[in-house]
Each structure stands twice: as C-alpha cells, then as structure tokens.
Amino acid sequence: MRIVIEPDAAAVHRRAAARIAALIRRRPACVLGLPTGRTPLALYRELERLHREEGLDFSSVVTFNLDEYVGLAPDHPESFSSYMRRNLFERVNIDPAHTHVPRGDAPDLAAECEAYERAIREAGGIDLQVLGIGVTGHIAFNEPGSSLGSRTRVKTLTRASLEAGAAHPGATPDRPRLAITMGVATILAARACLLLATGREKAATLRDAVEGPITAQVPATALQLHADVTVIIDEPAASGLVRREYYIEMEQAQRRLESGGR
C-alpha cells in the first residue's frame, strides 16, 4: 500500500481527483469504479471543476458504482443512481449509456447481480476502483463478516450502515435494510484501488485496515492483498497509524523518485 497523508480533507480530494484525471487523460475510455456517501462528494466537485475549467473529458469514460439499495428504482431520490446523477453525471459530459449502477428494483436480484458482474467483465474490468471506508471497516456494503472471496450479491445492512445513510442530507430514517453490492473479490479484481478517508472518526478503523491482520471482520483489510492500492487520508484520519512517520518518509522518497531525483 502507498499511504499518502495530506494536511486536510480538501487536499485529499484534490490529490484523488488529480489521480483520476491523469488516468482519464492517459486512457480516455478507462473504466472507473465509483462510490457514494459523504466522503466522495468533494471529490466529485473537484472532478466537475476539472471538467469545467480544464476540459477534462468524460465522454468515453465508463463507470460502475459499488452498490444500490434494494427496492429503490433509479429515479427514487434516495437511490444511488439519483445521487450519482445529481453529484457527478449531470455535471460532466459523461455518456449516460456508459454509467452503470445495480438495479435495486430488479425483479430477479440474483440475476441482476450476475448481470452486473458480466457487464464489468465485458467492459474489460475496472481500471481504478475508488473506495471509502465505513466506521466498521466495510468497503462498499461488504459488512463485517463478509467473505473475502465474495462477488456482487445482496447483503443485509448493519445498524451502523443504516445510521450512516440516514445522516446524509435529505435521507429518511427508514432506508431499505438490503443492498446490492460489489463483493470483496470484485473490488480486488480492479487493476488499482484508491481508498479515501477523512476525519478523526475514521482513525481507528483506518489503522485496523492498513496495519491490522487480514480478517473478514474488517473487510477493508483485504486491500492489503492487492498489488496496487493507494490510500489518501488527512492528518486526523492518520492520527491512529502506528507507522505514520514511516509512511511520510516513504511518500517523500516516492515523490523524489517520480520527479527524477533520488
């Protein structure tokens, strides 16, 4: 893992947006895996700015979202489909036909999960999977105890996930108890992963994910098995890391190497 510690949340989102923008400019038809929730909102605002002010072109980009609530149609105001349209898709020049979110209102949920996995494969796989991390250590809706070999499927949400969802602006407290989610193995199949975390409330969870043993009880620890993971966090989120100083030194050395120095 490459651990990047930025001074504040704004710097985290700028750094993440720059990574995504570089990929899009290098591979205009790249495939992005995208999250919802509070963490990526500022990231999406920065991507919108890059599109508006610097001409970042999303016209050939393909996206797959991590999850969706079971029972919510794409036009439901609290669906993740609506979230993505409001916060990114309608603000940049992406082709709606290139965007994919699981259908939470599908009549056959098992078939929808299989179709989603098939669509990812047919797109050539995900080039960069962007992730947040929940306070229980979950990634997407892979709650504690999720199989590290899991693929897209229906999961029952924990109380912590329901409360986090209800804390979003405009959310109702009676959100669905089930969600379709990419599995841990689906996420690990991406060519690269980008994990974002901000705030002191994520410090203990992030320490467990980065420095703790790999366990299904903290699904984010599975990212330790991936060959190309970048973790971008702010100082408060990094406050619990035992090896914090080493990560800072390692990042300084990496930046010198990338700039041609030693």
C-alpha atoms as a PDB file:
ATOM      1  CA  MET A   1       0.000   0.000   0.000  1.00  0.00           C
ATOM      2  CA  ARG A   2       1.051   3.554  -0.723  1.00  0.00           C
ATOM      3  CA  ILE A   3      -0.092   5.723   2.184  1.00  0.00           C
ATOM      4  CA  VAL A   4      -0.447   9.420   1.320  1.00  0.00           C
ATOM      5  CA  ILE A   5      -1.120  11.753   4.251  1.00  0.00           C
ATOM      6  CA  GLU A   6      -2.439  15.178   3.286  1.00  0.00           C
ATOM      7  CA  PRO A   7      -2.898  18.120   5.678  1.00  0.00           C
ATOM      8  CA  ASP A   8      -6.674  18.334   5.339  1.00  0.00           C
ATOM      9  CA  ALA A   9      -9.745  16.904   3.595  1.00  0.00           C
ATOM     10  CA  ALA A  10      -9.611  19.410   0.739  1.00  0.00           C
ATOM     11  CA  ALA A  11      -6.088  18.282  -0.139  1.00  0.00           C
ATOM     12  CA  VAL A  12      -7.210  14.636  -0.033  1.00  0.00           C
ATOM     13  CA  HIS A  13      -9.898  15.272  -2.615  1.00  0.00           C
ATOM     14  CA  ARG A  14      -7.626  17.350  -4.843  1.00  0.00           C
ATOM     15  CA  ARG A  15      -4.994  14.603  -4.811  1.00  0.00           C
ATOM     16  CA  ALA A  16      -7.581  11.922  -5.574  1.00  0.00           C
ATOM     17  CA  ALA A  17      -9.127  13.964  -8.387  1.00  0.00           C
ATOM     18  CA  ALA A  18      -5.682  14.529  -9.891  1.00  0.00           C
ATOM     19  CA  ARG A  19      -5.073  10.753  -9.883  1.00  0.00           C
ATOM     20  CA  ILE A  20      -8.379  10.108 -11.630  1.00  0.00           C
ATOM     21  CA  ALA A  21      -7.844  12.951 -14.106  1.00  0.00           C
ATOM     22  CA  ALA A  22      -4.400  11.615 -15.012  1.00  0.00           C
ATOM     23  CA  LEU A  23      -5.905   8.217 -15.773  1.00  0.00           C
ATOM     24  CA  ILE A  24      -8.670   9.722 -17.924  1.00  0.00           C
ATOM     25  CA  ARG A  25      -6.172  11.794 -19.901  1.00  0.00           C
ATOM     26  CA  ARG A  26      -3.935   8.777 -20.405  1.00  0.00           C
ATOM     27  CA  ARG A  27      -6.778   6.367 -21.183  1.00  0.00           C
ATOM     28  CA  PRO A  28      -9.907   8.283 -22.270  1.00  0.00           C
ATOM     29  CA  ALA A  29     -12.010   5.103 -22.336  1.00  0.00           C
ATOM     30  CA  CYS A  30     -10.931   3.963 -18.867  1.00  0.00           C
ATOM     31  CA  VAL A  31     -13.302   2.117 -16.538  1.00  0.00           C
ATOM     32  CA  LEU A  32     -13.847   3.683 -13.109  1.00  0.00           C
ATOM     33  CA  GLY A  33     -15.429   2.085 -10.062  1.00  0.00           C
ATOM     34  CA  LEU A  34     -17.203   4.774  -8.073  1.00  0.00           C
ATOM     35  CA  PRO A  35     -18.580   5.111  -4.512  1.00  0.00           C
ATOM     36  CA  THR A  36     -21.371   7.135  -2.941  1.00  0.00           C
ATOM     37  CA  GLY A  37     -21.764   8.575   0.552  1.00  0.00           C
ATOM     38  CA  ARG A  38     -20.292  11.658   2.201  1.00  0.00           C
ATOM     39  CA  THR A  39     -16.603  11.071   1.512  1.00  0.00           C
ATOM     40  CA  PRO A  40     -16.654  11.376  -2.312  1.00  0.00           C
ATOM     41  CA  LEU A  41     -18.858  14.481  -2.544  1.00  0.00           C
ATOM     42  CA  ALA A  42     -15.911  16.902  -2.521  1.00  0.00           C
ATOM     43  CA  LEU A  43     -14.052  14.607  -4.920  1.00  0.00           C
ATOM     44  CA  TYR A  44     -16.906  14.853  -7.400  1.00  0.00           C
ATOM     45  CA  ARG A  45     -16.984  18.631  -7.035  1.00  0.00           C
ATOM     46  CA  GLU A  46     -13.282  18.747  -7.896  1.00  0.00           C
ATOM     47  CA  LEU A  47     -13.776  16.482 -10.920  1.00  0.00           C
ATOM     48  CA  GLU A  48     -16.570  18.784 -12.040  1.00  0.00           C
ATOM     49  CA  ARG A  49     -14.212  21.748 -11.701  1.00  0.00           C
ATOM     50  CA  LEU A  50     -11.527  19.990 -13.728  1.00  0.00           C
ATOM     51  CA  HIS A  51     -14.091  19.296 -16.438  1.00  0.00           C
ATOM     52  CA  ARG A  52     -15.406  22.858 -16.464  1.00  0.00           C
ATOM     53  CA  GLU A  53     -12.133  24.764 -16.124  1.00  0.00           C
ATOM     54  CA  GLU A  54      -9.541  22.424 -17.626  1.00  0.00           C
ATOM     55  CA  GLY A  55     -11.602  20.481 -20.151  1.00  0.00           C
ATOM     56  CA  LEU A  56     -11.334  17.069 -18.505  1.00  0.00           C
ATOM     57  CA  ASP A  57     -13.233  14.901 -20.978  1.00  0.00           C
ATOM     58  CA  PHE A  58     -15.536  12.187 -19.605  1.00  0.00           C
ATOM     59  CA  SER A  59     -17.185  11.376 -22.954  1.00  0.00           C
ATOM     60  CA  SER A  60     -15.524   7.960 -23.320  1.00  0.00           C
ATOM     61  CA  VAL A  61     -15.253   7.071 -19.613  1.00  0.00           C
ATOM     62  CA  VAL A  62     -17.185   4.027 -18.357  1.00  0.00           C
ATOM     63  CA  THR A  63     -18.299   3.786 -14.729  1.00  0.00           C
ATOM     64  CA  PHE A  64     -19.584   1.084 -12.398  1.00  0.00           C
ATOM     65  CA  ASN A  65     -20.941   2.006  -8.982  1.00  0.00           C
ATOM     66  CA  LEU A  66     -20.273  -0.097  -5.937  1.00  0.00           C
ATOM     67  CA  ASP A  67     -23.809  -0.583  -4.692  1.00  0.00           C
ATOM     68  CA  GLU A  68     -27.500   0.286  -4.583  1.00  0.00           C
ATOM     69  CA  TYR A  69     -30.362  -0.084  -2.094  1.00  0.00           C
ATOM     70  CA  VAL A  70     -32.727  -2.976  -2.779  1.00  0.00           C
ATOM     71  CA  GLY A  71     -36.237  -1.807  -3.626  1.00  0.00           C
ATOM     72  CA  LEU A  72     -35.316   1.673  -4.872  1.00  0.00           C
ATOM     73  CA  ALA A  73     -35.895   2.475  -8.538  1.00  0.00           C
ATOM     74  CA  PRO A  74     -33.183   4.501 -10.334  1.00  0.00           C
ATOM     75  CA  ASP A  75     -35.356   7.643 -10.221  1.00  0.00           C
ATOM     76  CA  HIS A  76     -36.024   7.384  -6.470  1.00  0.00           C
ATOM     77  CA  PRO A  77     -34.491  10.481  -4.834  1.00  0.00           C
ATOM     78  CA  GLU A  78     -32.584   8.401  -2.276  1.00  0.00           C
ATOM     79  CA  SER A  79     -31.245   5.843  -4.743  1.00  0.00           C
ATOM     80  CA  PHE A  80     -27.546   5.843  -5.519  1.00  0.00           C
ATOM     81  CA  SER A  81     -28.468   6.267  -9.182  1.00  0.00           C
ATOM     82  CA  SER A  82     -30.043   9.622  -8.286  1.00  0.00           C
ATOM     83  CA  TYR A  83     -27.066  10.512  -6.074  1.00  0.00           C
ATOM     84  CA  MET A  84     -24.648   9.933  -8.951  1.00  0.00           C
ATOM     85  CA  ARG A  85     -26.708  11.927 -11.431  1.00  0.00           C
ATOM     86  CA  ARG A  86     -27.017  14.876  -9.034  1.00  0.00           C
ATOM     87  CA  ASN A  87     -23.426  14.902  -7.877  1.00  0.00           C
ATOM     88  CA  LEU A  88     -21.417  13.917 -10.953  1.00  0.00           C
ATOM     89  CA  PHE A  89     -23.046  12.517 -14.076  1.00  0.00           C
ATOM     90  CA  GLU A  90     -25.187  15.572 -14.852  1.00  0.00           C
ATOM     91  CA  ARG A  91     -22.261  17.918 -14.116  1.00  0.00           C
ATOM     92  CA  VAL A  92     -19.782  16.484 -16.626  1.00  0.00           C
ATOM     93  CA  ASN A  93     -20.010  15.256 -20.229  1.00  0.00           C
ATOM     94  CA  ILE A  94     -20.260  11.545 -19.487  1.00  0.00           C
ATOM     95  CA  ASP A  95     -22.463   9.412 -21.738  1.00  0.00           C
ATOM     96  CA  PRO A  96     -25.357   8.062 -19.608  1.00  0.00           C
ATOM     97  CA  ALA A  97     -25.098   4.787 -21.531  1.00  0.00           C
ATOM     98  CA  HIS A  98     -21.586   4.381 -20.108  1.00  0.00           C
ATOM     99  CA  THR A  99     -22.722   4.622 -16.478  1.00  0.00           C
ATOM    100  CA  HIS A 100     -23.749   1.543 -14.509  1.00  0.00           C
ATOM    101  CA  VAL A 101     -25.456   1.245 -11.129  1.00  0.00           C
ATOM    102  CA  PRO A 102     -27.085  -2.017  -9.939  1.00  0.00           C
ATOM    103  CA  ARG A 103     -30.876  -2.045 -10.315  1.00  0.00           C
ATOM    104  CA  GLY A 104     -32.220  -2.180  -6.776  1.00  0.00           C
ATOM    105  CA  ASP A 105     -35.732  -2.695  -8.144  1.00  0.00           C
ATOM    106  CA  ALA A 106     -34.808  -5.640 -10.371  1.00  0.00           C
ATOM    107  CA  PRO A 107     -37.453  -8.418 -10.248  1.00  0.00           C
ATOM    108  CA  ASP A 108     -34.734 -11.080 -10.006  1.00  0.00           C
ATOM    109  CA  LEU A 109     -31.955  -9.794  -7.737  1.00  0.00           C
ATOM    110  CA  ALA A 110     -29.709 -12.832  -8.213  1.00  0.00           C
ATOM    111  CA  ALA A 111     -29.881 -12.396 -11.981  1.00  0.00           C
ATOM    112  CA  GLU A 112     -29.155  -8.669 -11.605  1.00  0.00           C
ATOM    113  CA  CYS A 113     -26.025  -9.446  -9.588  1.00  0.00           C
ATOM    114  CA  GLU A 114     -24.822 -11.935 -12.193  1.00  0.00           C
ATOM    115  CA  ALA A 115     -25.545  -9.455 -14.983  1.00  0.00           C
ATOM    116  CA  TYR A 116     -23.554  -6.749 -13.166  1.00  0.00           C
ATOM    117  CA  GLU A 117     -20.523  -8.992 -12.846  1.00  0.00           C
ATOM    118  CA  ARG A 118     -20.852  -9.902 -16.517  1.00  0.00           C
ATOM    119  CA  ALA A 119     -21.072  -6.236 -17.542  1.00  0.00           C
ATOM    120  CA  ILE A 120     -17.847  -5.466 -15.655  1.00  0.00           C
ATOM    121  CA  ARG A 121     -16.081  -8.327 -17.412  1.00  0.00           C
ATOM    122  CA  GLU A 122     -17.400  -7.270 -20.819  1.00  0.00           C
ATOM    123  CA  ALA A 123     -16.126  -3.732 -20.196  1.00  0.00           C
ATOM    124  CA  GLY A 124     -12.652  -5.176 -19.722  1.00  0.00           C
ATOM    125  CA  GLY A 125     -12.601  -4.907 -15.942  1.00  0.00           C
ATOM    126  CA  ILE A 126     -12.245  -1.883 -13.698  1.00  0.00           C
ATOM    127  CA  ASP A 127      -9.075   0.174 -14.157  1.00  0.00           C
ATOM    128  CA  LEU A 128      -9.375   2.202 -10.939  1.00  0.00           C
ATOM    129  CA  GLN A 129     -11.730   1.433  -8.079  1.00  0.00           C
ATOM    130  CA  VAL A 130     -12.382   4.401  -5.784  1.00  0.00           C
ATOM    131  CA  LEU A 131     -13.413   3.489  -2.245  1.00  0.00           C
ATOM    132  CA  GLY A 132     -14.439   4.995   1.038  1.00  0.00           C
ATOM    133  CA  ILE A 133     -14.285   3.102   4.314  1.00  0.00           C
ATOM    134  CA  GLY A 134     -17.051   2.760   6.878  1.00  0.00           C
ATOM    135  CA  VAL A 135     -16.538   3.036  10.611  1.00  0.00           C
ATOM    136  CA  THR A 136     -16.949  -0.746  10.888  1.00  0.00           C
ATOM    137  CA  GLY A 137     -14.233  -1.306   8.288  1.00  0.00           C
ATOM    138  CA  HIS A 138     -16.610  -2.104   5.469  1.00  0.00           C
ATOM    139  CA  ILE A 139     -15.905  -1.279   1.830  1.00  0.00           C
ATOM    140  CA  ALA A 140     -18.971  -0.870  -0.393  1.00  0.00           C
ATOM    141  CA  PHE A 141     -21.670  -2.701   1.588  1.00  0.00           C
ATOM    142  CA  ASN A 142     -19.399  -5.621   2.472  1.00  0.00           C
ATOM    143  CA  GLU A 143     -20.251  -5.603   6.148  1.00  0.00           C
ATOM    144  CA  PRO A 144     -18.056  -7.232   8.837  1.00  0.00           C
ATOM    145  CA  GLY A 145     -18.059 -10.980   8.292  1.00  0.00           C
ATOM    146  CA  SER A 146     -18.343 -10.721   4.508  1.00  0.00           C
ATOM    147  CA  SER A 147     -16.450 -13.368   2.588  1.00  0.00           C
ATOM    148  CA  LEU A 148     -13.197 -12.039   1.168  1.00  0.00           C
ATOM    149  CA  GLY A 149     -13.972 -14.124  -1.915  1.00  0.00           C
ATOM    150  CA  SER A 150     -17.432 -12.624  -2.405  1.00  0.00           C
ATOM    151  CA  ARG A 151     -18.802 -11.273  -5.688  1.00  0.00           C
ATOM    152  CA  THR A 152     -21.714  -8.926  -6.395  1.00  0.00           C
ATOM    153  CA  ARG A 153     -24.660 -10.018  -4.261  1.00  0.00           C
ATOM    154  CA  VAL A 154     -27.417  -8.879  -1.879  1.00  0.00           C
ATOM    155  CA  LYS A 155     -26.319  -8.017   1.665  1.00  0.00           C
ATOM    156  CA  THR A 156     -28.238  -7.169   4.827  1.00  0.00           C
ATOM    157  CA  LEU A 157     -27.033  -3.841   6.203  1.00  0.00           C
ATOM    158  CA  THR A 158     -25.783  -3.328   9.736  1.00  0.00           C
ATOM    159  CA  ARG A 159     -27.282  -0.727  12.052  1.00  0.00           C
ATOM    160  CA  ALA A 160     -24.105   1.352  11.641  1.00  0.00           C
ATOM    161  CA  SER A 161     -24.569   1.472   7.866  1.00  0.00           C
ATOM    162  CA  LEU A 162     -28.232   2.374   8.208  1.00  0.00           C
ATOM    163  CA  GLU A 163     -27.414   5.178  10.644  1.00  0.00           C
ATOM    164  CA  ALA A 164     -24.655   6.487   8.374  1.00  0.00           C
ATOM    165  CA  GLY A 165     -27.092   6.527   5.452  1.00  0.00           C
ATOM    166  CA  ALA A 166     -29.735   8.317   7.475  1.00  0.00           C
ATOM    167  CA  ALA A 167     -27.197  11.016   8.349  1.00  0.00           C
ATOM    168  CA  HIS A 168     -26.957  12.103   4.718  1.00  0.00           C
ATOM    169  CA  PRO A 169     -28.807  15.308   3.808  1.00  0.00           C
ATOM    170  CA  GLY A 170     -32.400  14.573   2.831  1.00  0.00           C
ATOM    171  CA  ALA A 171     -32.281  10.918   3.833  1.00  0.00           C
ATOM    172  CA  THR A 172     -35.157   9.275   5.637  1.00  0.00           C
ATOM    173  CA  PRO A 173     -34.581   7.069   8.688  1.00  0.00           C
ATOM    174  CA  ASP A 174     -36.370   4.069   7.140  1.00  0.00           C
ATOM    175  CA  ARG A 175     -33.975   3.232   4.345  1.00  0.00           C
ATOM    176  CA  PRO A 176     -34.024  -0.342   2.965  1.00  0.00           C
ATOM    177  CA  ARG A 177     -32.291  -2.999   5.045  1.00  0.00           C
ATOM    178  CA  LEU A 178     -30.867  -4.730   1.961  1.00  0.00           C
ATOM    179  CA  ALA A 179     -28.470  -3.599  -0.750  1.00  0.00           C
ATOM    180  CA  ILE A 180     -26.831  -4.974  -3.860  1.00  0.00           C
ATOM    181  CA  THR A 181     -23.084  -4.566  -3.504  1.00  0.00           C
ATOM    182  CA  MET A 182     -19.930  -5.481  -5.352  1.00  0.00           C
ATOM    183  CA  GLY A 183     -18.185  -8.193  -3.406  1.00  0.00           C
ATOM    184  CA  VAL A 184     -14.723  -8.009  -1.885  1.00  0.00           C
ATOM    185  CA  ALA A 185     -13.300 -10.179  -4.670  1.00  0.00           C
ATOM    186  CA  THR A 186     -14.977  -7.962  -7.274  1.00  0.00           C
ATOM    187  CA  ILE A 187     -13.230  -4.941  -5.775  1.00  0.00           C
ATOM    188  CA  LEU A 188      -9.876  -6.722  -5.580  1.00  0.00           C
ATOM    189  CA  ALA A 189     -10.161  -7.621  -9.284  1.00  0.00           C
ATOM    190  CA  ALA A 190      -9.730  -3.924 -10.199  1.00  0.00           C
ATOM    191  CA  ARG A 191      -6.321  -3.099 -11.640  1.00  0.00           C
ATOM    192  CA  ALA A 192      -5.797  -0.416  -8.990  1.00  0.00           C
ATOM    193  CA  CYS A 193      -7.659   0.788  -5.903  1.00  0.00           C
ATOM    194  CA  LEU A 194      -7.843   4.254  -4.376  1.00  0.00           C
ATOM    195  CA  LEU A 195      -9.061   4.411  -0.761  1.00  0.00           C
ATOM    196  CA  LEU A 196     -10.060   7.795   0.683  1.00  0.00           C
ATOM    197  CA  ALA A 197     -10.680   8.657   4.340  1.00  0.00           C
ATOM    198  CA  THR A 198     -11.006  11.919   6.237  1.00  0.00           C
ATOM    199  CA  GLY A 199     -11.739  12.825   9.839  1.00  0.00           C
ATOM    200  CA  ARG A 200     -10.653  11.563  13.243  1.00  0.00           C
ATOM    201  CA  GLU A 201     -13.700   9.281  13.454  1.00  0.00           C
ATOM    202  CA  LYS A 202     -12.061   7.070  10.803  1.00  0.00           C
ATOM    203  CA  ALA A 203      -8.660   6.899  12.544  1.00  0.00           C
ATOM    204  CA  ALA A 204      -9.111   3.623  14.458  1.00  0.00           C
ATOM    205  CA  THR A 205     -10.805   1.881  11.539  1.00  0.00           C
ATOM    206  CA  LEU A 206      -8.116   3.028   9.133  1.00  0.00           C
ATOM    207  CA  ARG A 207      -5.375   1.779  11.459  1.00  0.00           C
ATOM    208  CA  ASP A 208      -7.042  -1.639  11.548  1.00  0.00           C
ATOM    209  CA  ALA A 209      -7.454  -1.688   7.758  1.00  0.00           C
ATOM    210  CA  VAL A 210      -3.868  -0.680   6.981  1.00  0.00           C
ATOM    211  CA  GLU A 211      -1.873  -2.167   9.853  1.00  0.00           C
ATOM    212  CA  GLY A 212      -4.077  -4.898  11.309  1.00  0.00           C
ATOM    213  CA  PRO A 213      -4.353  -8.573  10.388  1.00  0.00           C
ATOM    214  CA  ILE A 214      -6.372  -9.532   7.329  1.00  0.00           C
ATOM    215  CA  THR A 215      -9.798 -10.591   8.519  1.00  0.00           C
ATOM    216  CA  ALA A 216     -13.355 -10.776   7.233  1.00  0.00           C
ATOM    217  CA  GLN A 217     -14.379  -8.903  10.379  1.00  0.00           C
ATOM    218  CA  VAL A 218     -12.688  -5.805   8.888  1.00  0.00           C
ATOM    219  CA  PRO A 219     -13.334  -6.265   5.149  1.00  0.00           C
ATOM    220  CA  ALA A 220     -11.087  -3.325   4.173  1.00  0.00           C
ATOM    221  CA  THR A 221      -8.067  -5.339   5.367  1.00  0.00           C
ATOM    222  CA  ALA A 222      -8.451  -7.387   2.175  1.00  0.00           C
ATOM    223  CA  LEU A 223      -6.927  -4.430   0.320  1.00  0.00           C
ATOM    224  CA  GLN A 224      -3.588  -5.494   1.821  1.00  0.00           C
ATOM    225  CA  LEU A 225      -3.706  -8.388  -0.653  1.00  0.00           C
ATOM    226  CA  HIS A 226      -3.895  -6.076  -3.676  1.00  0.00           C
ATOM    227  CA  ALA A 227      -0.728  -5.162  -5.570  1.00  0.00           C
ATOM    228  CA  ASP A 228      -1.712  -1.553  -6.344  1.00  0.00           C
ATOM    229  CA  VAL A 229      -3.549   0.308  -3.586  1.00  0.00           C
ATOM    230  CA  THR A 230      -3.132   3.994  -2.776  1.00  0.00           C
ATOM    231  CA  VAL A 231      -4.613   5.264   0.480  1.00  0.00           C
ATOM    232  CA  ILE A 232      -5.104   9.048   0.621  1.00  0.00           C
ATOM    233  CA  ILE A 233      -6.060  10.412   4.035  1.00  0.00           C
ATOM    234  CA  ASP A 234      -5.941  13.631   6.037  1.00  0.00           C
ATOM    235  CA  GLU A 235      -3.982  14.219   9.236  1.00  0.00           C
ATOM    236  CA  PRO A 236      -6.915  13.464  11.583  1.00  0.00           C
ATOM    237  CA  ALA A 237      -7.615  10.131   9.855  1.00  0.00           C
ATOM    238  CA  ALA A 238      -3.898   9.291  10.030  1.00  0.00           C
ATOM    239  CA  SER A 239      -3.665  10.039  13.752  1.00  0.00           C
ATOM    240  CA  GLY A 240      -4.039   6.392  14.784  1.00  0.00           C
ATOM    241  CA  LEU A 241      -1.405   4.929  12.473  1.00  0.00           C
ATOM    242  CA  VAL A 242       1.483   3.333  14.356  1.00  0.00           C
ATOM    243  CA  ARG A 243       3.883   3.737  11.413  1.00  0.00           C
ATOM    244  CA  ARG A 244       2.739   7.229  10.454  1.00  0.00           C
ATOM    245  CA  GLU A 245       6.239   8.735  10.314  1.00  0.00           C
ATOM    246  CA  TYR A 246       7.488   5.932   8.094  1.00  0.00           C
ATOM    247  CA  TYR A 247       4.633   6.495   5.639  1.00  0.00           C
ATOM    248  CA  ILE A 248       5.533  10.185   5.438  1.00  0.00           C
ATOM    249  CA  GLU A 249       9.187   9.336   4.744  1.00  0.00           C
ATOM    250  CA  MET A 250       8.185   6.715   2.191  1.00  0.00           C
ATOM    251  CA  GLU A 251       5.938   9.181   0.337  1.00  0.00           C
ATOM    252  CA  GLN A 252       8.694  11.802   0.281  1.00  0.00           C
ATOM    253  CA  ALA A 253      11.062   9.242  -1.245  1.00  0.00           C
ATOM    254  CA  GLN A 254       8.419   8.180  -3.775  1.00  0.00           C
ATOM    255  CA  ARG A 255       7.851  11.763  -4.896  1.00  0.00           C
ATOM    256  CA  ARG A 256      11.587  12.315  -5.333  1.00  0.00           C
ATOM    257  CA  LEU A 257      11.773   9.167  -7.442  1.00  0.00           C
ATOM    258  CA  GLU A 258       8.841  10.244  -9.588  1.00  0.00           C
ATOM    259  CA  SER A 259      10.399  13.665 -10.151  1.00  0.00           C
ATOM    260  CA  GLY A 260      13.636  12.094 -11.321  1.00  0.00           C
ATOM    261  CA  GLY A 261      15.557  12.666  -8.101  1.00  0.00           C
ATOM    262  CA  ARG A 262      16.878  10.193  -5.562  1.00  0.00           C
END
